[in-house]
């Protein structure tokens, strides 16, 4: 269920990354860690 979205919701969810790198200094490795945490967190929260 973690990434089970309608395409419009997927688009709205996806906007956060371009917005973040535009306003916040981020190292590529920090981005990878942050996105990995996002994926694991979403799966854990939908684990039931």
ModelCIF file with pLDDT and N, C-alpha, C, O atoms, coordinates in Angstrom:
data_MODEL
#
_entry.id   MODEL 
#
_entity.id                         1 
_entity.type                       polymer 
_entity.pdbx_number_of_molecules   1 
#
_entity_poly.entity_id                      1 
_entity_poly.type                           'polypeptide(L)' 
_entity_poly.nstd_linkage                   no 
_entity_poly.nstd_monomer                   no 
_entity_poly.pdbx_seq_one_letter_code       
;(UNK)(UNK)(UNK)(UNK)(UNK)(UNK)(UNK)(UNK)(UNK)(UNK)(UNK)(UNK)(UNK)(UNK)(UNK)(UNK)
(UNK)(UNK)(UNK)(UNK)(UNK)(UNK)(UNK)(UNK)(UNK)(UNK)(UNK)(UNK)(UNK)(UNK)(UNK)(UNK)
(UNK)(UNK)(UNK)(UNK)(UNK)(UNK)(UNK)(UNK)(UNK)(UNK)(UNK)(UNK)(UNK)(UNK)(UNK)(UNK)
;
_entity_poly.pdbx_seq_one_letter_code_can   XXXXXXXXXXXXXXXXXXXXXXXXXXXXXXXXXXXXXXXXXXXXXXXX 
_entity_poly.pdbx_strand_id                 A 
#
loop_
_entity_poly_seq.entity_id 
_entity_poly_seq.num 
_entity_poly_seq.mon_id 
_entity_poly_seq.hetero 
1 1  UNK n 
1 2  UNK n 
1 3  UNK n 
1 4  UNK n 
1 5  UNK n 
1 6  UNK n 
1 7  UNK n 
1 8  UNK n 
1 9  UNK n 
1 10 UNK n 
1 11 UNK n 
1 12 UNK n 
1 13 UNK n 
1 14 UNK n 
1 15 UNK n 
1 16 UNK n 
1 17 UNK n 
1 18 UNK n 
1 19 UNK n 
1 20 UNK n 
1 21 UNK n 
1 22 UNK n 
1 23 UNK n 
1 24 UNK n 
1 25 UNK n 
1 26 UNK n 
1 27 UNK n 
1 28 UNK n 
1 29 UNK n 
1 30 UNK n 
1 31 UNK n 
1 32 UNK n 
1 33 UNK n 
1 34 UNK n 
1 35 UNK n 
1 36 UNK n 
1 37 UNK n 
1 38 UNK n 
1 39 UNK n 
1 40 UNK n 
1 41 UNK n 
1 42 UNK n 
1 43 UNK n 
1 44 UNK n 
1 45 UNK n 
1 46 UNK n 
1 47 UNK n 
1 48 UNK n 
#
_struct_asym.id          A 
_struct_asym.entity_id   1 
#
loop_
_ma_qa_metric.id 
_ma_qa_metric.mode 
_ma_qa_metric.name 
_ma_qa_metric.software_group_id 
_ma_qa_metric.type 
1 global pLDDT . pLDDT 
2 local  pLDDT . pLDDT 
#
_ma_qa_metric_global.metric_id      1 
_ma_qa_metric_global.metric_value   95.83 
_ma_qa_metric_global.model_id       1 
_ma_qa_metric_global.ordinal_id     1 
#
loop_
_ma_qa_metric_local.label_asym_id 
_ma_qa_metric_local.label_comp_id 
_ma_qa_metric_local.label_seq_id 
_ma_qa_metric_local.metric_id 
_ma_qa_metric_local.metric_value 
_ma_qa_metric_local.model_id 
_ma_qa_metric_local.ordinal_id 
A UNK 1  2 95.00 1 1  
A UNK 2  2 94.00 1 2  
A UNK 3  2 95.00 1 3  
A UNK 4  2 96.00 1 4  
A UNK 5  2 97.00 1 5  
A UNK 6  2 97.00 1 6  
A UNK 7  2 97.00 1 7  
A UNK 8  2 97.00 1 8  
A UNK 9  2 98.00 1 9  
A UNK 10 2 97.00 1 10 
A UNK 11 2 97.00 1 11 
A UNK 12 2 97.00 1 12 
A UNK 13 2 96.00 1 13 
A UNK 14 2 96.00 1 14 
A UNK 15 2 96.00 1 15 
A UNK 16 2 96.00 1 16 
A UNK 17 2 95.00 1 17 
A UNK 18 2 95.00 1 18 
A UNK 19 2 96.00 1 19 
A UNK 20 2 97.00 1 20 
A UNK 21 2 96.00 1 21 
A UNK 22 2 94.00 1 22 
A UNK 23 2 95.00 1 23 
A UNK 24 2 97.00 1 24 
A UNK 25 2 97.00 1 25 
A UNK 26 2 98.00 1 26 
A UNK 27 2 98.00 1 27 
A UNK 28 2 96.00 1 28 
A UNK 29 2 97.00 1 29 
A UNK 30 2 98.00 1 30 
A UNK 31 2 97.00 1 31 
A UNK 32 2 95.00 1 32 
A UNK 33 2 97.00 1 33 
A UNK 34 2 97.00 1 34 
A UNK 35 2 95.00 1 35 
A UNK 36 2 95.00 1 36 
A UNK 37 2 96.00 1 37 
A UNK 38 2 96.00 1 38 
A UNK 39 2 95.00 1 39 
A UNK 40 2 95.00 1 40 
A UNK 41 2 96.00 1 41 
A UNK 42 2 96.00 1 42 
A UNK 43 2 96.00 1 43 
A UNK 44 2 95.00 1 44 
A UNK 45 2 95.00 1 45 
A UNK 46 2 94.00 1 46 
A UNK 47 2 91.00 1 47 
A UNK 48 2 89.00 1 48 
#
loop_
_atom_site.group_PDB 
_atom_site.id 
_atom_site.type_symbol 
_atom_site.label_atom_id 
_atom_site.label_alt_id 
_atom_site.label_comp_id 
_atom_site.label_asym_id 
_atom_site.label_entity_id 
_atom_site.label_seq_id 
_atom_site.pdbx_PDB_ins_code 
_atom_site.Cartn_x 
_atom_site.Cartn_y 
_atom_site.Cartn_z 
_atom_site.occupancy 
_atom_site.B_iso_or_equiv 
_atom_site.pdbx_formal_charge 
_atom_site.auth_seq_id 
_atom_site.auth_comp_id 
_atom_site.auth_asym_id 
_atom_site.auth_atom_id 
_atom_site.pdbx_PDB_model_num 
ATOM 1   N N  . UNK A 1 1  ? 0.824  -1.205 0.000   1.00 95.00 ? 1  UNK A N  1 
ATOM 2   C CA . UNK A 1 1  ? 0.000  0.000  0.000   1.00 95.00 ? 1  UNK A CA 1 
ATOM 3   C C  . UNK A 1 1  ? 0.860  1.259  0.000   1.00 95.00 ? 1  UNK A C  1 
ATOM 4   O O  . UNK A 1 1  ? 0.382  2.336  -0.356  1.00 95.00 ? 1  UNK A O  1 
ATOM 5   N N  . UNK A 1 2  ? 2.115  1.134  0.393   1.00 94.00 ? 2  UNK A N  1 
ATOM 6   C CA . UNK A 1 2  ? 2.973  2.288  0.654   1.00 94.00 ? 2  UNK A CA 1 
ATOM 7   C C  . UNK A 1 2  ? 2.979  3.315  -0.471  1.00 94.00 ? 2  UNK A C  1 
ATOM 8   O O  . UNK A 1 2  ? 2.902  4.515  -0.210  1.00 94.00 ? 2  UNK A O  1 
ATOM 9   N N  . UNK A 1 3  ? 3.071  2.857  -1.726  1.00 95.00 ? 3  UNK A N  1 
ATOM 10  C CA . UNK A 1 3  ? 3.118  3.762  -2.876  1.00 95.00 ? 3  UNK A CA 1 
ATOM 11  C C  . UNK A 1 3  ? 1.903  3.598  -3.782  1.00 95.00 ? 3  UNK A C  1 
ATOM 12  O O  . UNK A 1 3  ? 1.950  3.946  -4.962  1.00 95.00 ? 3  UNK A O  1 
ATOM 13  N N  . UNK A 1 4  ? 0.818  3.068  -3.229  1.00 96.00 ? 4  UNK A N  1 
ATOM 14  C CA . UNK A 1 4  ? -0.383 2.839  -4.025  1.00 96.00 ? 4  UNK A CA 1 
ATOM 15  C C  . UNK A 1 4  ? -1.198 4.128  -4.095  1.00 96.00 ? 4  UNK A C  1 
ATOM 16  O O  . UNK A 1 4  ? -2.081 4.361  -3.269  1.00 96.00 ? 4  UNK A O  1 
ATOM 17  N N  . UNK A 1 5  ? -0.889 4.970  -5.098  1.00 97.00 ? 5  UNK A N  1 
ATOM 18  C CA . UNK A 1 5  ? -1.525 6.271  -5.241  1.00 97.00 ? 5  UNK A CA 1 
ATOM 19  C C  . UNK A 1 5  ? -2.133 6.430  -6.631  1.00 97.00 ? 5  UNK A C  1 
ATOM 20  O O  . UNK A 1 5  ? -1.671 5.826  -7.599  1.00 97.00 ? 5  UNK A O  1 
ATOM 21  N N  . UNK A 1 6  ? -3.159 7.238  -6.710  1.00 97.00 ? 6  UNK A N  1 
ATOM 22  C CA . UNK A 1 6  ? -3.634 7.730  -8.002  1.00 97.00 ? 6  UNK A CA 1 
ATOM 23  C C  . UNK A 1 6  ? -2.524 8.593  -8.606  1.00 97.00 ? 6  UNK A C  1 
ATOM 24  O O  . UNK A 1 6  ? -1.790 9.240  -7.860  1.00 97.00 ? 6  UNK A O  1 
ATOM 25  N N  . UNK A 1 7  ? -2.379 8.622  -9.941  1.00 97.00 ? 7  UNK A N  1 
ATOM 26  C CA . UNK A 1 7  ? -1.308 9.431  -10.544 1.00 97.00 ? 7  UNK A CA 1 
ATOM 27  C C  . UNK A 1 7  ? -1.297 10.890 -10.110 1.00 97.00 ? 7  UNK A C  1 
ATOM 28  O O  . UNK A 1 7  ? -0.225 11.479 -9.974  1.00 97.00 ? 7  UNK A O  1 
ATOM 29  N N  . UNK A 1 8  ? -2.471 11.488 -9.887  1.00 97.00 ? 8  UNK A N  1 
ATOM 30  C CA . UNK A 1 8  ? -2.504 12.882 -9.436  1.00 97.00 ? 8  UNK A CA 1 
ATOM 31  C C  . UNK A 1 8  ? -1.907 13.012 -8.037  1.00 97.00 ? 8  UNK A C  1 
ATOM 32  O O  . UNK A 1 8  ? -1.179 13.963 -7.753  1.00 97.00 ? 8  UNK A O  1 
ATOM 33  N N  . UNK A 1 9  ? -2.214 12.062 -7.171  1.00 98.00 ? 9  UNK A N  1 
ATOM 34  C CA . UNK A 1 9  ? -1.610 12.091 -5.843  1.00 98.00 ? 9  UNK A CA 1 
ATOM 35  C C  . UNK A 1 9  ? -0.115 11.808 -5.941  1.00 98.00 ? 9  UNK A C  1 
ATOM 36  O O  . UNK A 1 9  ? 0.684  12.436 -5.245  1.00 98.00 ? 9  UNK A O  1 
ATOM 37  N N  . UNK A 1 10 ? 0.266  10.868 -6.801  1.00 97.00 ? 10 UNK A N  1 
ATOM 38  C CA . UNK A 1 10 ? 1.682  10.584 -6.988  1.00 97.00 ? 10 UNK A CA 1 
ATOM 39  C C  . UNK A 1 10 ? 2.445  11.824 -7.424  1.00 97.00 ? 10 UNK A C  1 
ATOM 40  O O  . UNK A 1 10 ? 3.563  12.065 -6.969  1.00 97.00 ? 10 UNK A O  1 
ATOM 41  N N  . UNK A 1 11 ? 1.834  12.616 -8.316  1.00 97.00 ? 11 UNK A N  1 
ATOM 42  C CA . UNK A 1 11 ? 2.470  13.849 -8.782  1.00 97.00 ? 11 UNK A CA 1 
ATOM 43  C C  . UNK A 1 11 ? 2.626  14.838 -7.634  1.00 97.00 ? 11 UNK A C  1 
ATOM 44  O O  . UNK A 1 11 ? 3.689  15.438 -7.475  1.00 97.00 ? 11 UNK A O  1 
ATOM 45  N N  . UNK A 1 12 ? 1.583  15.011 -6.838  1.00 97.00 ? 12 UNK A N  1 
ATOM 46  C CA . UNK A 1 12 ? 1.649  15.930 -5.703  1.00 97.00 ? 12 UNK A CA 1 
ATOM 47  C C  . UNK A 1 12 ? 2.689  15.475 -4.681  1.00 97.00 ? 12 UNK A C  1 
ATOM 48  O O  . UNK A 1 12 ? 3.390  16.297 -4.091  1.00 97.00 ? 12 UNK A O  1 
ATOM 49  N N  . UNK A 1 13 ? 2.785  14.168 -4.477  1.00 96.00 ? 13 UNK A N  1 
ATOM 50  C CA . UNK A 1 13 ? 3.789  13.632 -3.558  1.00 96.00 ? 13 UNK A CA 1 
ATOM 51  C C  . UNK A 1 13 ? 5.195  13.860 -4.107  1.00 96.00 ? 13 UNK A C  1 
ATOM 52  O O  . UNK A 1 13 ? 6.124  14.139 -3.348  1.00 96.00 ? 13 UNK A O  1 
ATOM 53  N N  . UNK A 1 14 ? 5.350  13.742 -5.426  1.00 96.00 ? 14 UNK A N  1 
ATOM 54  C CA . UNK A 1 14 ? 6.668  13.811 -6.052  1.00 96.00 ? 14 UNK A CA 1 
ATOM 55  C C  . UNK A 1 14 ? 7.248  15.220 -6.040  1.00 96.00 ? 14 UNK A C  1 
ATOM 56  O O  . UNK A 1 14 ? 8.464  15.385 -6.130  1.00 96.00 ? 14 UNK A O  1 
ATOM 57  N N  . UNK A 1 15 ? 6.402  16.232 -5.929  1.00 96.00 ? 15 UNK A N  1 
ATOM 58  C CA . UNK A 1 15 ? 6.875  17.612 -6.005  1.00 96.00 ? 15 UNK A CA 1 
ATOM 59  C C  . UNK A 1 15 ? 7.797  17.986 -4.857  1.00 96.00 ? 15 UNK A C  1 
ATOM 60  O O  . UNK A 1 15 ? 8.550  18.954 -4.954  1.00 96.00 ? 15 UNK A O  1 
ATOM 61  N N  . UNK A 1 16 ? 7.743  17.226 -3.773  1.00 96.00 ? 16 UNK A N  1 
ATOM 62  C CA . UNK A 1 16 ? 8.498  17.620 -2.585  1.00 96.00 ? 16 UNK A CA 1 
ATOM 63  C C  . UNK A 1 16 ? 9.998  17.589 -2.823  1.00 96.00 ? 16 UNK A C  1 
ATOM 64  O O  . UNK A 1 16 ? 10.713 18.438 -2.289  1.00 96.00 ? 16 UNK A O  1 
ATOM 65  N N  . UNK A 1 17 ? 10.504 16.634 -3.611  1.00 95.00 ? 17 UNK A N  1 
ATOM 66  C CA . UNK A 1 17 ? 11.953 16.548 -3.822  1.00 95.00 ? 17 UNK A CA 1 
ATOM 67  C C  . UNK A 1 17 ? 12.509 17.736 -4.602  1.00 95.00 ? 17 UNK A C  1 
ATOM 68  O O  . UNK A 1 17 ? 13.468 18.357 -4.143  1.00 95.00 ? 17 UNK A O  1 
ATOM 69  N N  . UNK A 1 18 ? 11.939 18.081 -5.778  1.00 95.00 ? 18 UNK A N  1 
ATOM 70  C CA . UNK A 1 18 ? 12.440 19.283 -6.459  1.00 95.00 ? 18 UNK A CA 1 
ATOM 71  C C  . UNK A 1 18 ? 12.341 20.537 -5.592  1.00 95.00 ? 18 UNK A C  1 
ATOM 72  O O  . UNK A 1 18 ? 13.210 21.407 -5.652  1.00 95.00 ? 18 UNK A O  1 
ATOM 73  N N  . UNK A 1 19 ? 11.285 20.629 -4.789  1.00 96.00 ? 19 UNK A N  1 
ATOM 74  C CA . UNK A 1 19 ? 11.125 21.797 -3.905  1.00 96.00 ? 19 UNK A CA 1 
ATOM 75  C C  . UNK A 1 19 ? 12.212 21.830 -2.840  1.00 96.00 ? 19 UNK A C  1 
ATOM 76  O O  . UNK A 1 19 ? 12.762 22.891 -2.546  1.00 96.00 ? 19 UNK A O  1 
ATOM 77  N N  . UNK A 1 20 ? 12.522 20.676 -2.262  1.00 97.00 ? 20 UNK A N  1 
ATOM 78  C CA . UNK A 1 20 ? 13.532 20.616 -1.205  1.00 97.00 ? 20 UNK A CA 1 
ATOM 79  C C  . UNK A 1 20 ? 14.907 21.019 -1.715  1.00 97.00 ? 20 UNK A C  1 
ATOM 80  O O  . UNK A 1 20 ? 15.596 21.815 -1.076  1.00 97.00 ? 20 UNK A O  1 
ATOM 81  N N  . UNK A 1 21 ? 15.310 20.482 -2.851  1.00 96.00 ? 21 UNK A N  1 
ATOM 82  C CA . UNK A 1 21 ? 16.659 20.786 -3.340  1.00 96.00 ? 21 UNK A CA 1 
ATOM 83  C C  . UNK A 1 21 ? 16.763 22.222 -3.831  1.00 96.00 ? 21 UNK A C  1 
ATOM 84  O O  . UNK A 1 21 ? 17.867 22.732 -4.018  1.00 96.00 ? 21 UNK A O  1 
ATOM 85  N N  . UNK A 1 22 ? 15.631 22.876 -4.042  1.00 94.00 ? 22 UNK A N  1 
ATOM 86  C CA . UNK A 1 22 ? 15.633 24.274 -4.462  1.00 94.00 ? 22 UNK A CA 1 
ATOM 87  C C  . UNK A 1 22 ? 15.846 25.208 -3.273  1.00 94.00 ? 22 UNK A C  1 
ATOM 88  O O  . UNK A 1 22 ? 16.397 26.297 -3.437  1.00 94.00 ? 22 UNK A O  1 
ATOM 89  N N  . UNK A 1 23 ? 15.412 24.792 -2.064  1.00 95.00 ? 23 UNK A N  1 
ATOM 90  C CA . UNK A 1 23 ? 15.473 25.696 -0.903  1.00 95.00 ? 23 UNK A CA 1 
ATOM 91  C C  . UNK A 1 23 ? 16.444 25.238 0.176   1.00 95.00 ? 23 UNK A C  1 
ATOM 92  O O  . UNK A 1 23 ? 16.827 26.036 1.031   1.00 95.00 ? 23 UNK A O  1 
ATOM 93  N N  . UNK A 1 24 ? 16.854 23.959 0.156   1.00 97.00 ? 24 UNK A N  1 
ATOM 94  C CA . UNK A 1 24 ? 17.658 23.419 1.252   1.00 97.00 ? 24 UNK A CA 1 
ATOM 95  C C  . UNK A 1 24 ? 18.950 22.806 0.733   1.00 97.00 ? 24 UNK A C  1 
ATOM 96  O O  . UNK A 1 24 ? 18.901 21.919 -0.120  1.00 97.00 ? 24 UNK A O  1 
ATOM 97  N N  . UNK A 1 25 ? 20.106 23.251 1.223   1.00 97.00 ? 25 UNK A N  1 
ATOM 98  C CA . UNK A 1 25 ? 21.361 22.610 0.829   1.00 97.00 ? 25 UNK A CA 1 
ATOM 99  C C  . UNK A 1 25 ? 21.373 21.139 1.251   1.00 97.00 ? 25 UNK A C  1 
ATOM 100 O O  . UNK A 1 25 ? 21.249 20.829 2.436   1.00 97.00 ? 25 UNK A O  1 
ATOM 101 N N  . UNK A 1 26 ? 21.521 20.242 0.283   1.00 98.00 ? 26 UNK A N  1 
ATOM 102 C CA . UNK A 1 26 ? 21.506 18.807 0.548   1.00 98.00 ? 26 UNK A CA 1 
ATOM 103 C C  . UNK A 1 26 ? 22.628 18.132 -0.217  1.00 98.00 ? 26 UNK A C  1 
ATOM 104 O O  . UNK A 1 26 ? 22.849 18.412 -1.396  1.00 98.00 ? 26 UNK A O  1 
ATOM 105 N N  . UNK A 1 27 ? 23.331 17.246 0.460   1.00 98.00 ? 27 UNK A N  1 
ATOM 106 C CA . UNK A 1 27 ? 24.340 16.415 -0.192  1.00 98.00 ? 27 UNK A CA 1 
ATOM 107 C C  . UNK A 1 27 ? 23.630 15.242 -0.862  1.00 98.00 ? 27 UNK A C  1 
ATOM 108 O O  . UNK A 1 27 ? 22.622 14.774 -0.334  1.00 98.00 ? 27 UNK A O  1 
ATOM 109 N N  . UNK A 1 28 ? 24.114 14.748 -2.003  1.00 96.00 ? 28 UNK A N  1 
ATOM 110 C CA . UNK A 1 28 ? 23.460 13.604 -2.654  1.00 96.00 ? 28 UNK A CA 1 
ATOM 111 C C  . UNK A 1 28 ? 23.264 12.406 -1.733  1.00 96.00 ? 28 UNK A C  1 
ATOM 112 O O  . UNK A 1 28 ? 22.233 11.737 -1.795  1.00 96.00 ? 28 UNK A O  1 
ATOM 113 N N  . UNK A 1 29 ? 24.254 12.132 -0.874  1.00 97.00 ? 29 UNK A N  1 
ATOM 114 C CA . UNK A 1 29 ? 24.100 11.001 0.046   1.00 97.00 ? 29 UNK A CA 1 
ATOM 115 C C  . UNK A 1 29 ? 22.993 11.268 1.073   1.00 97.00 ? 29 UNK A C  1 
ATOM 116 O O  . UNK A 1 29 ? 22.278 10.352 1.479   1.00 97.00 ? 29 UNK A O  1 
ATOM 117 N N  . UNK A 1 30 ? 22.862 12.528 1.484   1.00 98.00 ? 30 UNK A N  1 
ATOM 118 C CA . UNK A 1 30 ? 21.780 12.880 2.405   1.00 98.00 ? 30 UNK A CA 1 
ATOM 119 C C  . UNK A 1 30 ? 20.427 12.665 1.742   1.00 98.00 ? 30 UNK A C  1 
ATOM 120 O O  . UNK A 1 30 ? 19.475 12.218 2.382   1.00 98.00 ? 30 UNK A O  1 
ATOM 121 N N  . UNK A 1 31 ? 20.349 12.990 0.444   1.00 97.00 ? 31 UNK A N  1 
ATOM 122 C CA . UNK A 1 31 ? 19.104 12.775 -0.303  1.00 97.00 ? 31 UNK A CA 1 
ATOM 123 C C  . UNK A 1 31 ? 18.777 11.289 -0.371  1.00 97.00 ? 31 UNK A C  1 
ATOM 124 O O  . UNK A 1 31 ? 17.627 10.893 -0.181  1.00 97.00 ? 31 UNK A O  1 
ATOM 125 N N  . UNK A 1 32 ? 19.788 10.468 -0.643  1.00 95.00 ? 32 UNK A N  1 
ATOM 126 C CA . UNK A 1 32 ? 19.575 9.015  -0.725  1.00 95.00 ? 32 UNK A CA 1 
ATOM 127 C C  . UNK A 1 32 ? 19.094 8.478  0.623   1.00 95.00 ? 32 UNK A C  1 
ATOM 128 O O  . UNK A 1 32 ? 18.166 7.672  0.673   1.00 95.00 ? 32 UNK A O  1 
ATOM 129 N N  . UNK A 1 33 ? 19.721 8.920  1.716   1.00 97.00 ? 33 UNK A N  1 
ATOM 130 C CA . UNK A 1 33 ? 19.319 8.461  3.056   1.00 97.00 ? 33 UNK A CA 1 
ATOM 131 C C  . UNK A 1 33 ? 17.894 8.901  3.362   1.00 97.00 ? 33 UNK A C  1 
ATOM 132 O O  . UNK A 1 33 ? 17.083 8.108  3.841   1.00 97.00 ? 33 UNK A O  1 
ATOM 133 N N  . UNK A 1 34 ? 17.594 10.156 3.086   1.00 97.00 ? 34 UNK A N  1 
ATOM 134 C CA . UNK A 1 34 ? 16.249 10.693 3.334   1.00 97.00 ? 34 UNK A CA 1 
ATOM 135 C C  . UNK A 1 34 ? 15.183 9.922  2.542   1.00 97.00 ? 34 UNK A C  1 
ATOM 136 O O  . UNK A 1 34 ? 14.137 9.578  3.092   1.00 97.00 ? 34 UNK A O  1 
ATOM 137 N N  . UNK A 1 35 ? 15.441 9.650  1.264   1.00 95.00 ? 35 UNK A N  1 
ATOM 138 C CA . UNK A 1 35 ? 14.471 8.926  0.438   1.00 95.00 ? 35 UNK A CA 1 
ATOM 139 C C  . UNK A 1 35 ? 14.333 7.470  0.881   1.00 95.00 ? 35 UNK A C  1 
ATOM 140 O O  . UNK A 1 35 ? 13.248 6.893  0.798   1.00 95.00 ? 35 UNK A O  1 
ATOM 141 N N  . UNK A 1 36 ? 15.427 6.880  1.350   1.00 95.00 ? 36 UNK A N  1 
ATOM 142 C CA . UNK A 1 36 ? 15.362 5.509  1.854   1.00 95.00 ? 36 UNK A CA 1 
ATOM 143 C C  . UNK A 1 36 ? 14.545 5.443  3.136   1.00 95.00 ? 36 UNK A C  1 
ATOM 144 O O  . UNK A 1 36 ? 13.746 4.525  3.321   1.00 95.00 ? 36 UNK A O  1 
ATOM 145 N N  . UNK A 1 37 ? 14.747 6.420  4.026   1.00 96.00 ? 37 UNK A N  1 
ATOM 146 C CA . UNK A 1 37 ? 13.938 6.504  5.253   1.00 96.00 ? 37 UNK A CA 1 
ATOM 147 C C  . UNK A 1 37 ? 12.465 6.658  4.892   1.00 96.00 ? 37 UNK A C  1 
ATOM 148 O O  . UNK A 1 37 ? 11.600 6.031  5.503   1.00 96.00 ? 37 UNK A O  1 
ATOM 149 N N  . UNK A 1 38 ? 12.186 7.502  3.889   1.00 96.00 ? 38 UNK A N  1 
ATOM 150 C CA . UNK A 1 38 ? 10.808 7.709  3.455   1.00 96.00 ? 38 UNK A CA 1 
ATOM 151 C C  . UNK A 1 38 ? 10.172 6.393  3.019   1.00 96.00 ? 38 UNK A C  1 
ATOM 152 O O  . UNK A 1 38 ? 9.042  6.092  3.403   1.00 96.00 ? 38 UNK A O  1 
ATOM 153 N N  . UNK A 1 39 ? 10.894 5.606  2.217   1.00 95.00 ? 39 UNK A N  1 
ATOM 154 C CA . UNK A 1 39 ? 10.352 4.342  1.718   1.00 95.00 ? 39 UNK A CA 1 
ATOM 155 C C  . UNK A 1 39 ? 10.132 3.355  2.856   1.00 95.00 ? 39 UNK A C  1 
ATOM 156 O O  . UNK A 1 39 ? 9.062  2.756  2.963   1.00 95.00 ? 39 UNK A O  1 
ATOM 157 N N  . UNK A 1 40 ? 11.137 3.184  3.702   1.00 95.00 ? 40 UNK A N  1 
ATOM 158 C CA . UNK A 1 40 ? 11.011 2.233  4.817   1.00 95.00 ? 40 UNK A CA 1 
ATOM 159 C C  . UNK A 1 40 ? 9.898  2.659  5.755   1.00 95.00 ? 40 UNK A C  1 
ATOM 160 O O  . UNK A 1 40 ? 9.099  1.827  6.186   1.00 95.00 ? 40 UNK A O  1 
ATOM 161 N N  . UNK A 1 41 ? 9.834  3.948  6.078   1.00 96.00 ? 41 UNK A N  1 
ATOM 162 C CA . UNK A 1 41 ? 8.793  4.454  6.970   1.00 96.00 ? 41 UNK A CA 1 
ATOM 163 C C  . UNK A 1 41 ? 7.405  4.205  6.397   1.00 96.00 ? 41 UNK A C  1 
ATOM 164 O O  . UNK A 1 41 ? 6.498  3.789  7.118   1.00 96.00 ? 41 UNK A O  1 
ATOM 165 N N  . UNK A 1 42 ? 7.238  4.457  5.113   1.00 96.00 ? 42 UNK A N  1 
ATOM 166 C CA . UNK A 1 42 ? 5.929  4.261  4.493   1.00 96.00 ? 42 UNK A CA 1 
ATOM 167 C C  . UNK A 1 42 ? 5.513  2.798  4.512   1.00 96.00 ? 42 UNK A C  1 
ATOM 168 O O  . UNK A 1 42 ? 4.349  2.480  4.756   1.00 96.00 ? 42 UNK A O  1 
ATOM 169 N N  . UNK A 1 43 ? 6.466  1.909  4.254   1.00 96.00 ? 43 UNK A N  1 
ATOM 170 C CA . UNK A 1 43 ? 6.161  0.475  4.290   1.00 96.00 ? 43 UNK A CA 1 
ATOM 171 C C  . UNK A 1 43 ? 5.818  0.035  5.708   1.00 96.00 ? 43 UNK A C  1 
ATOM 172 O O  . UNK A 1 43 ? 4.841  -0.686 5.910   1.00 96.00 ? 43 UNK A O  1 
ATOM 173 N N  . UNK A 1 44 ? 6.608  0.459  6.692   1.00 95.00 ? 44 UNK A N  1 
ATOM 174 C CA . UNK A 1 44 ? 6.366  0.087  8.091   1.00 95.00 ? 44 UNK A CA 1 
ATOM 175 C C  . UNK A 1 44 ? 5.007  0.607  8.557   1.00 95.00 ? 44 UNK A C  1 
ATOM 176 O O  . UNK A 1 44 ? 4.274  -0.101 9.248   1.00 95.00 ? 44 UNK A O  1 
ATOM 177 N N  . UNK A 1 45 ? 4.671  1.833  8.184   1.00 95.00 ? 45 UNK A N  1 
ATOM 178 C CA . UNK A 1 45 ? 3.404  2.415  8.619   1.00 95.00 ? 45 UNK A CA 1 
ATOM 179 C C  . UNK A 1 45 ? 2.200  1.739  7.976   1.00 95.00 ? 45 UNK A C  1 
ATOM 180 O O  . UNK A 1 45 ? 1.087  1.829  8.496   1.00 95.00 ? 45 UNK A O  1 
ATOM 181 N N  . UNK A 1 46 ? 2.412  1.059  6.843   1.00 94.00 ? 46 UNK A N  1 
ATOM 182 C CA . UNK A 1 46 ? 1.330  0.340  6.170   1.00 94.00 ? 46 UNK A CA 1 
ATOM 183 C C  . UNK A 1 46 ? 1.443  -1.175 6.373   1.00 94.00 ? 46 UNK A C  1 
ATOM 184 O O  . UNK A 1 46 ? 0.829  -1.948 5.637   1.00 94.00 ? 46 UNK A O  1 
ATOM 185 N N  . UNK A 1 47 ? 2.208  -1.588 7.347   1.00 91.00 ? 47 UNK A N  1 
ATOM 186 C CA . UNK A 1 47 ? 2.456  -3.017 7.533   1.00 91.00 ? 47 UNK A CA 1 
ATOM 187 C C  . UNK A 1 47 ? 1.260  -3.750 8.142   1.00 91.00 ? 47 UNK A C  1 
ATOM 188 O O  . UNK A 1 47 ? 1.106  -4.954 7.938   1.00 91.00 ? 47 UNK A O  1 
ATOM 189 N N  . UNK A 1 48 ? 0.409  -3.033 8.890   1.00 89.00 ? 48 UNK A N  1 
ATOM 190 C CA . UNK A 1 48 ? -0.705 -3.634 9.639   1.00 89.00 ? 48 UNK A CA 1 
ATOM 191 C C  . UNK A 1 48 ? -0.199 -4.541 10.750  1.00 89.00 ? 48 UNK A C  1 
ATOM 192 O O  . UNK A 1 48 ? -0.999 -5.129 11.479  1.00 89.00 ? 48 UNK A O  1 
#
